[in-house]
C-alpha atoms as a PDB file:
ATOM      1  CA  MET A   1       0.098  -0.216   0.430  1.00  0.00           C
ATOM      2  CA  ASN A   2       1.114   3.342  -1.143  1.00  0.00           C
ATOM      3  CA  TRP A   3      -0.045   7.023  -0.208  1.00  0.00           C
ATOM      4  CA  ASP A   4       0.614  10.083  -2.042  1.00  0.00           C
ATOM      5  CA  GLY A   5      -0.919  12.551   0.289  1.00  0.00           C
ATOM      6  CA  LYS A   6      -4.510  11.970  -1.064  1.00  0.00           C
ATOM      7  CA  ASN A   7      -4.708   8.410  -2.603  1.00  0.00           C
ATOM      8  CA  ILE A   8      -4.143   5.134  -1.467  1.00  0.00           C
ATOM      9  CA  THR A   9      -2.622   2.589  -3.807  1.00  0.00           C
ATOM     10  CA  GLY A  10      -1.700  -0.555  -3.933  1.00  0.00           C
ATOM     11  CA  THR A  11      -1.749  -4.594  -4.745  1.00  0.00           C
ATOM     12  CA  ILE A  12      -3.274  -7.699  -3.103  1.00  0.00           C
ATOM     13  CA  ASN A  13      -1.222 -10.998  -3.657  1.00  0.00           C
ATOM     14  CA  PRO A  14       1.078  -9.554  -5.744  1.00  0.00           C
ATOM     15  CA  GLY A  15       2.288 -12.184  -8.686  1.00  0.00           C
ATOM     16  CA  ASP A  16       0.079 -13.852 -10.861  1.00  0.00           C
ATOM     17  CA  ASN A  17      -2.894 -13.129  -9.441  1.00  0.00           C
ATOM     18  CA  ALA A  18      -2.642  -9.868  -8.739  1.00  0.00           C
ATOM     19  CA  ILE A  19      -5.468  -7.601  -7.562  1.00  0.00           C
ATOM     20  CA  THR A  20      -5.455  -3.813  -7.862  1.00  0.00           C
ATOM     21  CA  LEU A  21      -6.675  -2.153  -4.584  1.00  0.00           C
ATOM     22  CA  GLY A  22     -10.217  -0.672  -5.932  1.00  0.00           C
ATOM     23  CA  SER A  23     -11.049   2.024  -3.138  1.00  0.00           C
ATOM     24  CA  VAL A  24      -9.705   2.792   0.147  1.00  0.00           C
ATOM     25  CA  PHE A  25     -11.195   4.925   3.064  1.00  0.00           C
ATOM     26  CA  LEU A  26      -9.333   6.037   5.948  1.00  0.00           C
ATOM     27  CA  ASP A  27     -10.976   7.517   8.967  1.00  0.00           C
ATOM     28  CA  VAL A  28      -8.481   9.450  10.849  1.00  0.00           C
ATOM     29  CA  THR A  29     -10.710  10.452  13.496  1.00  0.00           C
ATOM     30  CA  ASN A  30     -10.630   6.644  14.903  1.00  0.00           C
ATOM     31  CA  TRP A  31      -7.922   5.179  12.501  1.00  0.00           C
ATOM     32  CA  THR A  32      -9.861   2.825  10.838  1.00  0.00           C
ATOM     33  CA  VAL A  33      -9.652   1.781   7.353  1.00  0.00           C
ATOM     34  CA  ARG A  34     -11.816  -0.063   4.743  1.00  0.00           C
ATOM     35  CA  ILE A  35     -10.468  -1.743   1.553  1.00  0.00           C
ATOM     36  CA  GLU A  36     -12.501  -2.717  -1.520  1.00  0.00           C
ATOM     37  CA  ALA A  37     -11.575  -4.793  -4.233  1.00  0.00           C
ATOM     38  CA  GLU A  38     -12.783  -7.120  -7.536  1.00  0.00           C
ATOM     39  CA  GLY A  39     -11.027 -10.212  -7.914  1.00  0.00           C
ATOM     40  CA  LYS A  40     -11.847 -13.787  -9.183  1.00  0.00           C
ATOM     41  CA  ASP A  41     -12.136 -16.877  -7.350  1.00  0.00           C
ATOM     42  CA  GLN A  42     -10.232 -20.040  -8.673  1.00  0.00           C
ATOM     43  CA  SER A  43     -12.883 -20.932 -11.044  1.00  0.00           C
ATOM     44  CA  GLY A  44     -12.291 -17.132 -12.891  1.00  0.00           C
ATOM     45  CA  LYS A  45     -15.342 -16.083 -11.298  1.00  0.00           C
ATOM     46  CA  ALA A  46     -15.566 -12.303 -10.120  1.00  0.00           C
ATOM     47  CA  VAL A  47     -15.769 -11.733  -6.426  1.00  0.00           C
ATOM     48  CA  HIS A  48     -16.062  -8.914  -4.482  1.00  0.00           C
ATOM     49  CA  ILE A  49     -12.962  -8.571  -1.612  1.00  0.00           C
ATOM     50  CA  ALA A  50     -13.582  -6.196   1.537  1.00  0.00           C
ATOM     51  CA  ALA A  51     -11.578  -5.474   4.395  1.00  0.00           C
ATOM     52  CA  GLU A  52     -11.804  -3.668   7.243  1.00  0.00           C
ATOM     53  CA  GLY A  53      -9.048  -2.810  10.271  1.00  0.00           C
ATOM     54  CA  LYS A  54      -7.829  -0.503  12.521  1.00  0.00           C
ATOM     55  CA  LEU A  55      -3.979   1.110  12.533  1.00  0.00           C
ATOM     56  CA  ASP A  56      -2.337   1.085  15.770  1.00  0.00           C
ATOM     57  CA  ASP A  57       1.090   2.530  16.901  1.00  0.00           C
ATOM     58  CA  ILE A  58       0.654   5.046  14.042  1.00  0.00           C
ATOM     59  CA  ALA A  59       3.759   6.849  15.296  1.00  0.00           C
ATOM     60  CA  SER A  60       5.747   4.108  14.990  1.00  0.00           C
ATOM     61  CA  ALA A  61       7.933   3.237  12.032  1.00  0.00           C
ATOM     62  CA  HIS A  62       6.195  -0.628  12.239  1.00  0.00           C
ATOM     63  CA  ARG A  63       2.598   0.801  12.839  1.00  0.00           C
ATOM     64  CA  LYS A  64      -0.052  -2.210  12.182  1.00  0.00           C
ATOM     65  CA  LEU A  65      -3.224  -2.497  10.624  1.00  0.00           C
ATOM     66  CA  THR A  66      -5.089  -4.932  11.997  1.00  0.00           C
ATOM     67  CA  GLY A  67      -9.065  -6.562  11.110  1.00  0.00           C
ATOM     68  CA  SER A  68     -11.345  -8.945   9.151  1.00  0.00           C
ATOM     69  CA  TRP A  69     -11.532  -9.692   5.667  1.00  0.00           C
ATOM     70  CA  VAL A  70     -14.624 -11.052   3.201  1.00  0.00           C
ATOM     71  CA  GLN A  71     -13.760 -12.775  -0.423  1.00  0.00           C
ATOM     72  CA  GLY A  72     -16.778 -14.076  -1.850  1.00  0.00           C
ATOM     73  CA  THR A  73     -18.027 -16.134   1.042  1.00  0.00           C
ATOM     74  CA  THR A  74     -14.722 -16.671   2.638  1.00  0.00           C
ATOM     75  CA  LYS A  75     -13.871 -14.665   5.989  1.00  0.00           C
ATOM     76  CA  GLY A  76     -10.891 -14.522   8.059  1.00  0.00           C
ATOM     77  CA  ASP A  77      -8.913 -11.962  10.044  1.00  0.00           C
ATOM     78  CA  PHE A  78      -5.390 -10.270   8.802  1.00  0.00           C
ATOM     79  CA  ARG A  79      -2.691  -7.933  10.145  1.00  0.00           C
ATOM     80  CA  LEU A  80      -0.600  -5.909   8.141  1.00  0.00           C
ATOM     81  CA  THR A  81       2.968  -4.538   9.638  1.00  0.00           C
ATOM     82  CA  ARG A  82       4.971  -1.899   8.247  1.00  0.00           C
ATOM     83  CA  ASP A  83       8.875  -3.347   8.581  1.00  0.00           C
END
């Protein structure tokens, strides 16, 4: 994920199955993030991807984004850490 001061861009699962981020919303009042994208499942059928999380340790160079995601009917939790 990259931020140019106005827009957040990035890629989910870089590589052969890369998906460009569709929309990213950042609420700075409580440091929550919502990410949405359109991808494909194993059979090539279109599937909506959504992730919501909270940024922690904002002042740290190693801040974290933790939350949950949905990809079609599959759900899970995630944790991103900046190294």
